PDB file of N, CA and C in Angstrom:
ATOM      1  N   MET A   1       0.844  -1.166   0.000  1.00  0.00           N
ATOM      2  CA  MET A   1       0.000   0.000   0.000  1.00  0.00           C
ATOM      3  C   MET A   1       0.891   1.231   0.000  1.00  0.00           C
ATOM      4  N   LYS A   2       0.485   2.236  -0.743  1.00  0.00           N
ATOM      5  CA  LYS A   2       1.247   3.468  -0.842  1.00  0.00           C
ATOM      6  C   LYS A   2       0.442   4.604  -0.217  1.00  0.00           C
ATOM      7  N   ILE A   3       1.068   5.341   0.668  1.00  0.00           N
ATOM      8  CA  ILE A   3       0.408   6.487   1.294  1.00  0.00           C
ATOM      9  C   ILE A   3       0.520   7.677   0.352  1.00  0.00           C
ATOM     10  N   LEU A   4      -0.601   8.201  -0.050  1.00  0.00           N
ATOM     11  CA  LEU A   4      -0.612   9.350  -0.951  1.00  0.00           C
ATOM     12  C   LEU A   4      -0.557  10.674  -0.196  1.00  0.00           C
ATOM     13  N   LYS A   5      -1.241  10.724   0.941  1.00  0.00           N
ATOM     14  CA  LYS A   5      -1.211  11.932   1.761  1.00  0.00           C
ATOM     15  C   LYS A   5      -1.504  11.550   3.204  1.00  0.00           C
ATOM     16  N   GLU A   6      -0.582  11.891   4.094  1.00  0.00           N
ATOM     17  CA  GLU A   6      -0.781  11.619   5.515  1.00  0.00           C
ATOM     18  C   GLU A   6      -1.572  12.766   6.128  1.00  0.00           C
ATOM     19  N   PRO A   7      -2.274  12.472   7.220  1.00  0.00           N
ATOM     20  CA  PRO A   7      -2.992  13.562   7.897  1.00  0.00           C
ATOM     21  C   PRO A   7      -2.006  14.598   8.410  1.00  0.00           C
ATOM     22  N   THR A   8      -2.402  15.838   8.351  1.00  0.00           N
ATOM     23  CA  THR A   8      -1.535  16.919   8.826  1.00  0.00           C
ATOM     24  C   THR A   8      -2.222  17.657   9.968  1.00  0.00           C
ATOM     25  N   LEU A   9      -1.412  18.259  10.802  1.00  0.00           N
ATOM     26  CA  LEU A   9      -1.943  19.015  11.924  1.00  0.00           C
ATOM     27  C   LEU A   9      -2.399  20.399  11.480  1.00  0.00           C
ATOM     28  N   ILE A  10      -3.506  20.835  12.029  1.00  0.00           N
ATOM     29  CA  ILE A  10      -4.005  22.176  11.772  1.00  0.00           C
ATOM     30  C   ILE A  10      -3.203  23.148  12.637  1.00  0.00           C
ATOM     31  N   SER A  11      -2.792  24.259  12.049  1.00  0.00           N
ATOM     32  CA  SER A  11      -1.997  25.245  12.770  1.00  0.00           C
ATOM     33  C   SER A  11      -2.870  25.988  13.786  1.00  0.00           C
ATOM     34  N   TRP A  12      -2.381  26.060  15.023  1.00  0.00           N
ATOM     35  CA  TRP A  12      -3.112  26.712  16.115  1.00  0.00           C
ATOM     36  C   TRP A  12      -2.136  26.979  17.245  1.00  0.00           C
ATOM     37  N   LYS A  13      -2.369  28.040  18.028  1.00  0.00           N
ATOM     38  CA  LYS A  13      -1.493  28.387  19.150  1.00  0.00           C
ATOM     39  C   LYS A  13      -2.336  28.859  20.333  1.00  0.00           C
ATOM     40  N   ILE A  14      -1.788  28.677  21.525  1.00  0.00           N
ATOM     41  CA  ILE A  14      -2.395  29.180  22.745  1.00  0.00           C
ATOM     42  C   ILE A  14      -1.274  29.460  23.740  1.00  0.00           C
ATOM     43  N   GLU A  15      -1.459  30.459  24.575  1.00  0.00           N
ATOM     44  CA  GLU A  15      -0.500  30.726  25.642  1.00  0.00           C
ATOM     45  C   GLU A  15      -1.005  30.044  26.904  1.00  0.00           C
ATOM     46  N   LYS A  16      -0.139  29.242  27.529  1.00  0.00           N
ATOM     47  CA  LYS A  16      -0.510  28.501  28.736  1.00  0.00           C
ATOM     48  C   LYS A  16       0.628  28.563  29.741  1.00  0.00           C
ATOM     49  N   GLU A  17       0.271  28.329  30.967  1.00  0.00           N
ATOM     50  CA  GLU A  17       1.253  28.264  32.042  1.00  0.00           C
ATOM     51  C   GLU A  17       1.438  26.814  32.448  1.00  0.00           C
ATOM     52  N   CYS A  18       2.671  26.410  32.695  1.00  0.00           N
ATOM     53  CA  CYS A  18       2.944  25.084  33.242  1.00  0.00           C
ATOM     54  C   CYS A  18       2.369  25.121  34.655  1.00  0.00           C
ATOM     55  N   SER A  19       1.293  24.369  34.857  1.00  0.00           N
ATOM     56  CA  SER A  19       0.527  24.566  36.085  1.00  0.00           C
ATOM     57  C   SER A  19       0.208  23.280  36.831  1.00  0.00           C
ATOM     58  N   THR A  20      -0.423  23.464  37.961  1.00  0.00           N
ATOM     59  CA  THR A  20      -0.890  22.352  38.775  1.00  0.00           C
ATOM     60  C   THR A  20      -2.015  21.641  38.041  1.00  0.00           C
ATOM     61  N   ASN A  21      -1.976  20.321  38.075  1.00  0.00           N
ATOM     62  CA  ASN A  21      -3.087  19.549  37.536  1.00  0.00           C
ATOM     63  C   ASN A  21      -3.160  18.218  38.262  1.00  0.00           C
ATOM     64  N   GLU A  22      -4.027  17.345  37.796  1.00  0.00           N
ATOM     65  CA  GLU A  22      -4.269  16.078  38.481  1.00  0.00           C
ATOM     66  C   GLU A  22      -3.081  15.124  38.443  1.00  0.00           C
ATOM     67  N   LEU A  23      -2.185  15.286  37.483  1.00  0.00           N
ATOM     68  CA  LEU A  23      -1.080  14.340  37.340  1.00  0.00           C
ATOM     69  C   LEU A  23       0.110  14.657  38.231  1.00  0.00           C
ATOM     70  N   HIS A  24       0.295  15.913  38.548  1.00  0.00           N
ATOM     71  CA  HIS A  24       1.459  16.333  39.321  1.00  0.00           C
ATOM     72  C   HIS A  24       1.026  17.334  40.378  1.00  0.00           C
ATOM     73  N   ASN A  25       1.800  17.464  41.427  1.00  0.00           N
ATOM     74  CA  ASN A  25       1.466  18.420  42.481  1.00  0.00           C
ATOM     75  C   ASN A  25       1.525  19.857  41.981  1.00  0.00           C
ATOM     76  N   ALA A  26       2.551  20.205  41.219  1.00  0.00           N
ATOM     77  CA  ALA A  26       2.674  21.578  40.732  1.00  0.00           C
ATOM     78  C   ALA A  26       3.602  21.629  39.533  1.00  0.00           C
ATOM     79  N   GLY A  27       3.316  22.562  38.648  1.00  0.00           N
ATOM     80  CA  GLY A  27       4.210  22.836  37.539  1.00  0.00           C
ATOM     81  C   GLY A  27       5.171  23.938  37.956  1.00  0.00           C
ATOM     82  N   CYS A  28       6.031  24.330  37.045  1.00  0.00           N
ATOM     83  CA  CYS A  28       7.049  25.329  37.384  1.00  0.00           C
ATOM     84  C   CYS A  28       6.570  26.764  37.166  1.00  0.00           C
ATOM     85  N   GLY A  29       5.420  26.936  36.531  1.00  0.00           N
ATOM     86  CA  GLY A  29       4.879  28.275  36.312  1.00  0.00           C
ATOM     87  C   GLY A  29       5.389  28.963  35.057  1.00  0.00           C
ATOM     88  N   ALA A  30       6.168  28.265  34.240  1.00  0.00           N
ATOM     89  CA  ALA A  30       6.677  28.865  33.002  1.00  0.00           C
ATOM     90  C   ALA A  30       5.517  29.279  32.103  1.00  0.00           C
ATOM     91  N   HIS A  31       5.626  30.448  31.473  1.00  0.00           N
ATOM     92  CA  HIS A  31       4.612  30.930  30.530  1.00  0.00           C
ATOM     93  C   HIS A  31       5.048  30.474  29.138  1.00  0.00           C
ATOM     94  N   LEU A  32       4.216  29.669  28.483  1.00  0.00           N
ATOM     95  CA  LEU A  32       4.618  29.018  27.239  1.00  0.00           C
ATOM     96  C   LEU A  32       3.638  29.299  26.105  1.00  0.00           C
ATOM     97  N   GLU A  33       4.150  29.322  24.884  1.00  0.00           N
ATOM     98  CA  GLU A  33       3.292  29.351  23.706  1.00  0.00           C
ATOM     99  C   GLU A  33       3.200  27.910  23.201  1.00  0.00           C
ATOM    100  N   ILE A  34       2.021  27.347  23.260  1.00  0.00           N
ATOM    101  CA  ILE A  34       1.787  25.960  22.878  1.00  0.00           C
ATOM    102  C   ILE A  34       1.182  25.935  21.489  1.00  0.00           C
ATOM    103  N   GLU A  35       1.749  25.115  20.614  1.00  0.00           N
ATOM    104  CA  GLU A  35       1.223  24.935  19.261  1.00  0.00           C
ATOM    105  C   GLU A  35       0.615  23.551  19.135  1.00  0.00           C
ATOM    106  N   THR A  36      -0.113  23.331  18.078  1.00  0.00           N
ATOM    107  CA  THR A  36      -0.758  22.042  17.841  1.00  0.00           C
ATOM    108  C   THR A  36       0.236  20.893  17.952  1.00  0.00           C
ATOM    109  N   ALA A  37       1.414  21.051  17.372  1.00  0.00           N
ATOM    110  CA  ALA A  37       2.424  19.985  17.369  1.00  0.00           C
ATOM    111  C   ALA A  37       2.950  19.660  18.763  1.00  0.00           C
ATOM    112  N   ASP A  38       2.741  20.557  19.730  1.00  0.00           N
ATOM    113  CA  ASP A  38       3.198  20.318  21.100  1.00  0.00           C
ATOM    114  C   ASP A  38       2.227  19.442  21.886  1.00  0.00           C
ATOM    115  N   LEU A  39       1.002  19.316  21.393  1.00  0.00           N
ATOM    116  CA  LEU A  39      -0.033  18.565  22.098  1.00  0.00           C
ATOM    117  C   LEU A  39      -0.023  17.098  21.709  1.00  0.00           C
ATOM    118  N   TYR A  40      -0.413  16.270  22.643  1.00  0.00           N
ATOM    119  CA  TYR A  40      -0.545  14.838  22.386  1.00  0.00           C
ATOM    120  C   TYR A  40      -1.662  14.287  23.251  1.00  0.00           C
ATOM    121  N   LEU A  41      -2.127  13.102  22.898  1.00  0.00           N
ATOM    122  CA  LEU A  41      -3.167  12.435  23.678  1.00  0.00           C
ATOM    123  C   LEU A  41      -2.537  11.641  24.810  1.00  0.00           C
ATOM    124  N   THR A  42      -3.139  11.734  25.966  1.00  0.00           N
ATOM    125  CA  THR A  42      -2.724  10.960  27.126  1.00  0.00           C
ATOM    126  C   THR A  42      -3.988  10.477  27.816  1.00  0.00           C
ATOM    127  N   SER A  43      -3.849   9.907  28.968  1.00  0.00           N
ATOM    128  CA  SER A  43      -5.011   9.405  29.698  1.00  0.00           C
ATOM    129  C   SER A  43      -4.957   9.872  31.143  1.00  0.00           C
ATOM    130  N   ILE A  44      -6.070  10.376  31.632  1.00  0.00           N
ATOM    131  CA  ILE A  44      -6.194  10.760  33.037  1.00  0.00           C
ATOM    132  C   ILE A  44      -6.886   9.612  33.751  1.00  0.00           C
ATOM    133  N   GLN A  45      -6.307   9.163  34.826  1.00  0.00           N
ATOM    134  CA  GLN A  45      -6.915   8.088  35.606  1.00  0.00           C
ATOM    135  C   GLN A  45      -7.922   8.663  36.596  1.00  0.00           C
ATOM    136  N   LYS A  46      -9.136   8.172  36.529  1.00  0.00           N
ATOM    137  CA  LYS A  46     -10.209   8.556  37.454  1.00  0.00           C
ATOM    138  C   LYS A  46     -10.630   7.315  38.215  1.00  0.00           C
ATOM    139  N   SER A  47     -11.258   7.504  39.358  1.00  0.00           N
ATOM    140  CA  SER A  47     -11.773   6.362  40.097  1.00  0.00           C
ATOM    141  C   SER A  47     -13.010   6.787  40.876  1.00  0.00           C
ATOM    142  N   TYR A  48     -13.804   5.808  41.215  1.00  0.00           N
ATOM    143  CA  TYR A  48     -14.989   6.056  42.037  1.00  0.00           C
ATOM    144  C   TYR A  48     -15.257   4.816  42.882  1.00  0.00           C
ATOM    145  N   TRP A  49     -15.959   5.015  43.977  1.00  0.00           N
ATOM    146  CA  TRP A  49     -16.297   3.914  44.865  1.00  0.00           C
ATOM    147  C   TRP A  49     -17.534   3.214  44.329  1.00  0.00           C
ATOM    148  N   SER A  50     -17.444   1.901  44.204  1.00  0.00           N
ATOM    149  CA  SER A  50     -18.581   1.100  43.766  1.00  0.00           C
ATOM    150  C   SER A  50     -19.105   0.294  44.945  1.00  0.00           C
ATOM    151  N   ASP A  51     -20.340   0.586  45.348  1.00  0.00           N
ATOM    152  CA  ASP A  51     -20.954  -0.195  46.427  1.00  0.00           C
ATOM    153  C   ASP A  51     -21.145  -1.643  45.991  1.00  0.00           C
ATOM    154  N   TYR A  52     -21.444  -1.827  44.710  1.00  0.00           N
ATOM    155  CA  TYR A  52     -21.668  -3.171  44.190  1.00  0.00           C
ATOM    156  C   TYR A  52     -20.394  -4.010  44.279  1.00  0.00           C
ATOM    157  N   ALA A  53     -19.281  -3.443  43.819  1.00  0.00           N
ATOM    158  CA  ALA A  53     -17.999  -4.167  43.849  1.00  0.00           C
ATOM    159  C   ALA A  53     -17.287  -4.027  45.187  1.00  0.00           C
ATOM    160  N   GLU A  54     -17.775  -3.118  46.014  1.00  0.00           N
ATOM    161  CA  GLU A  54     -17.162  -2.817  47.297  1.00  0.00           C
ATOM    162  C   GLU A  54     -15.672  -2.494  47.168  1.00  0.00           C
ATOM    163  N   SER A  55     -15.371  -1.693  46.159  1.00  0.00           N
ATOM    164  CA  SER A  55     -13.995  -1.258  45.943  1.00  0.00           C
ATOM    165  C   SER A  55     -13.999  -0.039  45.028  1.00  0.00           C
ATOM    166  N   ASN A  56     -12.809   0.555  44.869  1.00  0.00           N
ATOM    167  CA  ASN A  56     -12.659   1.652  43.920  1.00  0.00           C
ATOM    168  C   ASN A  56     -12.553   1.084  42.517  1.00  0.00           C
ATOM    169  N   ILE A  57     -13.245   1.694  41.577  1.00  0.00           N
ATOM    170  CA  ILE A  57     -13.173   1.318  40.174  1.00  0.00           C
ATOM    171  C   ILE A  57     -12.373   2.409  39.466  1.00  0.00           C
ATOM    172  N   SER A  58     -11.312   2.032  38.778  1.00  0.00           N
ATOM    173  CA  SER A  58     -10.479   2.990  38.049  1.00  0.00           C
ATOM    174  C   SER A  58     -10.722   2.872  36.553  1.00  0.00           C
ATOM    175  N   TYR A  59     -10.637   4.011  35.872  1.00  0.00           N
ATOM    176  CA  TYR A  59     -10.792   4.044  34.427  1.00  0.00           C
ATOM    177  C   TYR A  59     -10.013   5.235  33.878  1.00  0.00           C
ATOM    178  N   GLY A  60      -9.678   5.167  32.609  1.00  0.00           N
ATOM    179  CA  GLY A  60      -8.919   6.239  31.971  1.00  0.00           C
ATOM    180  C   GLY A  60      -9.808   7.102  31.091  1.00  0.00           C
ATOM    181  N   ILE A  61      -9.552   8.406  31.104  1.00  0.00           N
ATOM    182  CA  ILE A  61     -10.254   9.356  30.253  1.00  0.00           C
ATOM    183  C   ILE A  61      -9.218   9.979  29.322  1.00  0.00           C
ATOM    184  N   PRO A  62      -9.450   9.948  28.006  1.00  0.00           N
ATOM    185  CA  PRO A  62      -8.498  10.594  27.091  1.00  0.00           C
ATOM    186  C   PRO A  62      -8.411  12.093  27.363  1.00  0.00           C
ATOM    187  N   ALA A  63      -7.212  12.635  27.253  1.00  0.00           N
ATOM    188  CA  ALA A  63      -6.996  14.061  27.498  1.00  0.00           C
ATOM    189  C   ALA A  63      -5.866  14.566  26.611  1.00  0.00           C
ATOM    190  N   PHE A  64      -5.884  15.865  26.341  1.00  0.00           N
ATOM    191  CA  PHE A  64      -4.824  16.510  25.568  1.00  0.00           C
ATOM    192  C   PHE A  64      -3.849  17.149  26.541  1.00  0.00           C
ATOM    193  N   ALA A  65      -2.562  16.969  26.281  1.00  0.00           N
ATOM    194  CA  ALA A  65      -1.542  17.471  27.197  1.00  0.00           C
ATOM    195  C   ALA A  65      -0.341  18.002  26.426  1.00  0.00           C
ATOM    196  N   PHE A  66       0.493  18.748  27.154  1.00  0.00           N
ATOM    197  CA  PHE A  66       1.804  19.144  26.634  1.00  0.00           C
ATOM    198  C   PHE A  66       2.815  18.941  27.750  1.00  0.00           C
ATOM    199  N   LYS A  67       4.055  18.750  27.376  1.00  0.00           N
ATOM    200  CA  LYS A  67       5.138  18.566  28.354  1.00  0.00           C
ATOM    201  C   LYS A  67       5.954  19.858  28.387  1.00  0.00           C
ATOM    202  N   CYS A  68       6.171  20.365  29.582  1.00  0.00           N
ATOM    203  CA  CYS A  68       6.918  21.611  29.761  1.00  0.00           C
ATOM    204  C   CYS A  68       8.401  21.395  29.448  1.00  0.00           C
ATOM    205  N   PRO A  69       8.996  22.248  28.613  1.00  0.00           N
ATOM    206  CA  PRO A  69      10.422  22.108  28.307  1.00  0.00           C
ATOM    207  C   PRO A  69      11.325  22.537  29.463  1.00  0.00           C
ATOM    208  N   CYS A  70      10.766  23.242  30.454  1.00  0.00           N
ATOM    209  CA  CYS A  70      11.568  23.705  31.594  1.00  0.00           C
ATOM    210  C   CYS A  70      11.664  22.662  32.699  1.00  0.00           C
ATOM    211  N   CYS A  71      10.523  22.061  33.060  1.00  0.00           N
ATOM    212  CA  CYS A  71      10.523  21.129  34.198  1.00  0.00           C
ATOM    213  C   CYS A  71      10.163  19.694  33.800  1.00  0.00           C
ATOM    214  N   ASP A  72       9.802  19.495  32.535  1.00  0.00           N
ATOM    215  CA  ASP A  72       9.486  18.170  31.988  1.00  0.00           C
ATOM    216  C   ASP A  72       8.202  17.566  32.577  1.00  0.00           C
ATOM    217  N   LYS A  73       7.340  18.402  33.172  1.00  0.00           N
ATOM    218  CA  LYS A  73       6.072  17.910  33.701  1.00  0.00           C
ATOM    219  C   LYS A  73       4.968  18.078  32.665  1.00  0.00           C
ATOM    220  N   GLU A  74       3.966  17.225  32.776  1.00  0.00           N
ATOM    221  CA  GLU A  74       2.844  17.225  31.846  1.00  0.00           C
ATOM    222  C   GLU A  74       1.718  18.095  32.389  1.00  0.00           C
ATOM    223  N   THR A  75       1.166  18.944  31.532  1.00  0.00           N
ATOM    224  CA  THR A  75       0.008  19.759  31.881  1.00  0.00           C
ATOM    225  C   THR A  75      -1.145  19.366  30.972  1.00  0.00           C
ATOM    226  N   ILE A  76      -2.287  19.114  31.573  1.00  0.00           N
ATOM    227  CA  ILE A  76      -3.488  18.734  30.834  1.00  0.00           C
ATOM    228  C   ILE A  76      -4.265  19.995  30.486  1.00  0.00           C
ATOM    229  N   LEU A  77      -4.753  20.070  29.247  1.00  0.00           N
ATOM    230  CA  LEU A  77      -5.602  21.185  28.837  1.00  0.00           C
ATOM    231  C   LEU A  77      -7.063  20.748  28.877  1.00  0.00           C
ATOM    232  N   ASP A  78      -7.944  21.674  29.205  1.00  0.00           N
ATOM    233  CA  ASP A  78      -9.371  21.401  29.090  1.00  0.00           C
ATOM    234  C   ASP A  78      -9.718  21.316  27.613  1.00  0.00           C
ATOM    235  N   GLU A  79     -10.536  20.338  27.251  1.00  0.00           N
ATOM    236  CA  GLU A  79     -10.896  20.174  25.838  1.00  0.00           C
ATOM    237  C   GLU A  79     -11.507  21.445  25.262  1.00  0.00           C
ATOM    238  N   GLU A  80     -12.242  22.195  26.090  1.00  0.00           N
ATOM    239  CA  GLU A  80     -12.908  23.408  25.612  1.00  0.00           C
ATOM    240  C   GLU A  80     -11.914  24.480  25.163  1.00  0.00           C
ATOM    241  N   GLU A  81     -10.660  24.371  25.624  1.00  0.00           N
ATOM    242  CA  GLU A  81      -9.633  25.345  25.234  1.00  0.00           C
ATOM    243  C   GLU A  81      -9.104  25.085  23.825  1.00  0.00           C
ATOM    244  N   ILE A  82      -9.365  23.895  23.306  1.00  0.00           N
ATOM    245  CA  ILE A  82      -8.830  23.492  22.007  1.00  0.00           C
ATOM    246  C   ILE A  82      -9.978  23.404  21.009  1.00  0.00           C
ATOM    247  N   PRO A  83      -9.893  24.116  19.879  1.00  0.00           N
ATOM    248  CA  PRO A  83     -10.969  24.035  18.882  1.00  0.00           C
ATOM    249  C   PRO A  83     -11.192  22.589  18.416  1.00  0.00           C
ATOM    250  N   ILE A  84     -12.415  22.260  18.097  1.00  0.00           N
ATOM    251  CA  ILE A  84     -12.780  20.890  17.708  1.00  0.00           C
ATOM    252  C   ILE A  84     -11.971  20.402  16.507  1.00  0.00           C
ATOM    253  N   ASP A  85     -11.733  21.261  15.513  1.00  0.00           N
ATOM    254  CA  ASP A  85     -10.974  20.820  14.341  1.00  0.00           C
ATOM    255  C   ASP A  85      -9.523  20.505  14.701  1.00  0.00           C
ATOM    256  N   VAL A  86      -8.970  21.215  15.673  1.00  0.00           N
ATOM    257  CA  VAL A  86      -7.605  20.939  16.135  1.00  0.00           C
ATOM    258  C   VAL A  86      -7.577  19.614  16.896  1.00  0.00           C
ATOM    259  N   ARG A  87      -8.575  19.389  17.764  1.00  0.00           N
ATOM    260  CA  ARG A  87      -8.648  18.117  18.499  1.00  0.00           C
ATOM    261  C   ARG A  87      -8.746  16.941  17.535  1.00  0.00           C
ATOM    262  N   GLU A  88      -9.596  17.064  16.530  1.00  0.00           N
ATOM    263  CA  GLU A  88      -9.759  15.987  15.544  1.00  0.00           C
ATOM    264  C   GLU A  88      -8.486  15.773  14.739  1.00  0.00           C
ATOM    265  N   SER A  89      -7.783  16.853  14.433  1.00  0.00           N
ATOM    266  CA  SER A  89      -6.512  16.760  13.704  1.00  0.00           C
ATOM    267  C   SER A  89      -5.479  15.991  14.525  1.00  0.00           C
ATOM    268  N   ILE A  90      -5.381  16.296  15.809  1.00  0.00           N
ATOM    269  CA  ILE A  90      -4.429  15.607  16.691  1.00  0.00           C
ATOM    270  C   ILE A  90      -4.787  14.135  16.802  1.00  0.00           C
ATOM    271  N   LYS A  91      -6.071  13.840  16.974  1.00  0.00           N
ATOM    272  CA  LYS A  91      -6.521  12.444  17.068  1.00  0.00           C
ATOM    273  C   LYS A  91      -6.178  11.674  15.803  1.00  0.00           C
ATOM    274  N   SER A  92      -6.368  12.294  14.654  1.00  0.00           N
ATOM    275  CA  SER A  92      -6.085  11.647  13.374  1.00  0.00           C
ATOM    276  C   SER A  92      -4.602  11.331  13.223  1.00  0.00           C
ATOM    277  N   VAL A  93      -3.752  12.276  13.564  1.00  0.00           N
ATOM    278  CA  VAL A  93      -2.302  12.071  13.467  1.00  0.00           C
ATOM    279  C   VAL A  93      -1.850  10.999  14.457  1.00  0.00           C
ATOM    280  N   GLU A  94      -2.368  11.038  15.685  1.00  0.00           N
ATOM    281  CA  GLU A  94      -2.016  10.026  16.692  1.00  0.00           C
ATOM    282  C   GLU A  94      -2.444   8.631  16.231  1.00  0.00           C
ATOM    283  N   LYS A  95      -3.624   8.534  15.637  1.00  0.00           N
ATOM    284  CA  LYS A  95      -4.122   7.249  15.143  1.00  0.00           C
ATOM    285  C   LYS A  95      -3.209   6.717  14.043  1.00  0.00           C
ATOM    286  N   THR A  96      -2.770   7.587  13.159  1.00  0.00           N
ATOM    287  CA  THR A  96      -1.869   7.189  12.079  1.00  0.00           C
ATOM    288  C   THR A  96      -0.531   6.711  12.648  1.00  0.00           C
ATOM    289  N   LYS A  97      -0.008   7.416  13.657  1.00  0.00           N
ATOM    290  CA  LYS A  97       1.255   7.014  14.288  1.00  0.00           C
ATOM    291  C   LYS A  97       1.137   5.624  14.905  1.00  0.00           C
ATOM    292  N   ARG A  98       0.021   5.373  15.605  1.00  0.00           N
ATOM    293  CA  ARG A  98      -0.175   4.056  16.237  1.00  0.00           C
ATOM    294  C   ARG A  98      -0.281   2.959  15.188  1.00  0.00           C
ATOM    295  N   ALA A  99      -0.985   3.251  14.083  1.00  0.00           N
ATOM    296  CA  ALA A  99      -1.139   2.259  13.024  1.00  0.00           C
ATOM    297  C   ALA A  99       0.207   1.941  12.381  1.00  0.00           C
ATOM    298  N   LYS A 100       1.027   2.955  12.137  1.00  0.00           N
ATOM    299  CA  LYS A 100       2.360   2.742  11.561  1.00  0.00           C
ATOM    300  C   LYS A 100       3.225   1.903  12.495  1.00  0.00           C
ATOM    301  N   LYS A 101       3.167   2.241  13.788  1.00  0.00           N
ATOM    302  CA  LYS A 101       3.967   1.523  14.776  1.00  0.00           C
ATOM    303  C   LYS A 101       3.559   0.051  14.822  1.00  0.00           C
ATOM    304  N   ALA A 102       2.259  -0.209  14.810  1.00  0.00           N
ATOM    305  CA  ALA A 102       1.761  -1.599  14.831  1.00  0.00           C
ATOM    306  C   ALA A 102       2.164  -2.332  13.566  1.00  0.00           C
ATOM    307  N   HIS A 103       2.110  -1.665  12.441  1.00  0.00           N
ATOM    308  CA  HIS A 103       2.484  -2.280  11.165  1.00  0.00           C
ATOM    309  C   HIS A 103       3.979  -2.630  11.150  1.00  0.00           C
ATOM    310  N   MET A 104       4.821  -1.705  11.633  1.00  0.00           N
ATOM    311  CA  MET A 104       6.264  -1.961  11.665  1.00  0.00           C
ATOM    312  C   MET A 104       6.588  -3.105  12.607  1.00  0.00           C
ATOM    313  N   LYS A 105       5.914  -3.158  13.727  1.00  0.00           N
ATOM    314  CA  LYS A 105       6.120  -4.250  14.694  1.00  0.00           C
ATOM    315  C   LYS A 105       5.742  -5.584  14.060  1.00  0.00           C
ATOM    316  N   LYS A 106       4.654  -5.586  13.314  1.00  0.00           N
ATOM    317  CA  LYS A 106       4.204  -6.803  12.625  1.00  0.00           C
ATOM    318  C   LYS A 106       5.235  -7.244  11.588  1.00  0.00           C
ATOM    319  N   LEU A 107       5.796  -6.292  10.846  1.00  0.00           N
ATOM    320  CA  LEU A 107       6.805  -6.617   9.833  1.00  0.00           C
ATOM    321  C   LEU A 107       8.084  -7.156  10.476  1.00  0.00           C
ATOM    322  N   GLU A 108       8.461  -6.586  11.617  1.00  0.00           N
ATOM    323  CA  GLU A 108       9.693  -7.018  12.289  1.00  0.00           C
ATOM    324  C   GLU A 108       9.588  -8.436  12.850  1.00  0.00           C
ATOM    325  N   SER A 109       8.376  -8.841  13.201  1.00  0.00           N
ATOM    326  CA  SER A 109       8.195 -10.173  13.789  1.00  0.00           C
ATOM    327  C   SER A 109       8.190 -11.284  12.737  1.00  0.00           C
ATOM    328  N   LYS A 110       8.142 -10.923  11.481  1.00  0.00           N
ATOM    329  CA  LYS A 110       8.139 -11.938  10.406  1.00  0.00           C
ATOM    330  C   LYS A 110       9.517 -12.387  10.049  1.00  0.00           C
TER     331      LYS A 110
END
């Protein structure tokens, strides 16, 4: 199969601070200009108490994040901060990367 055109990222920018979020106690406070290419998909772990299971149930929620170049910590962005077309563009590129990686792994095992 020949790839004629790979998905491309839509150009977009936002100013954000490396800040406190659910993954880390605190960011370094650096003021950063974040572009589409700086964002990636990650997963936030959530949990709740289940009376039925009598234990905590954990699950992952997809989230968009960037890694601070100053302190190397991950900051999660609210989806509402990212335009829908940019979110879809990132998802498409990430999906293509995963498919390529799986294909290469399959070829290497032969």
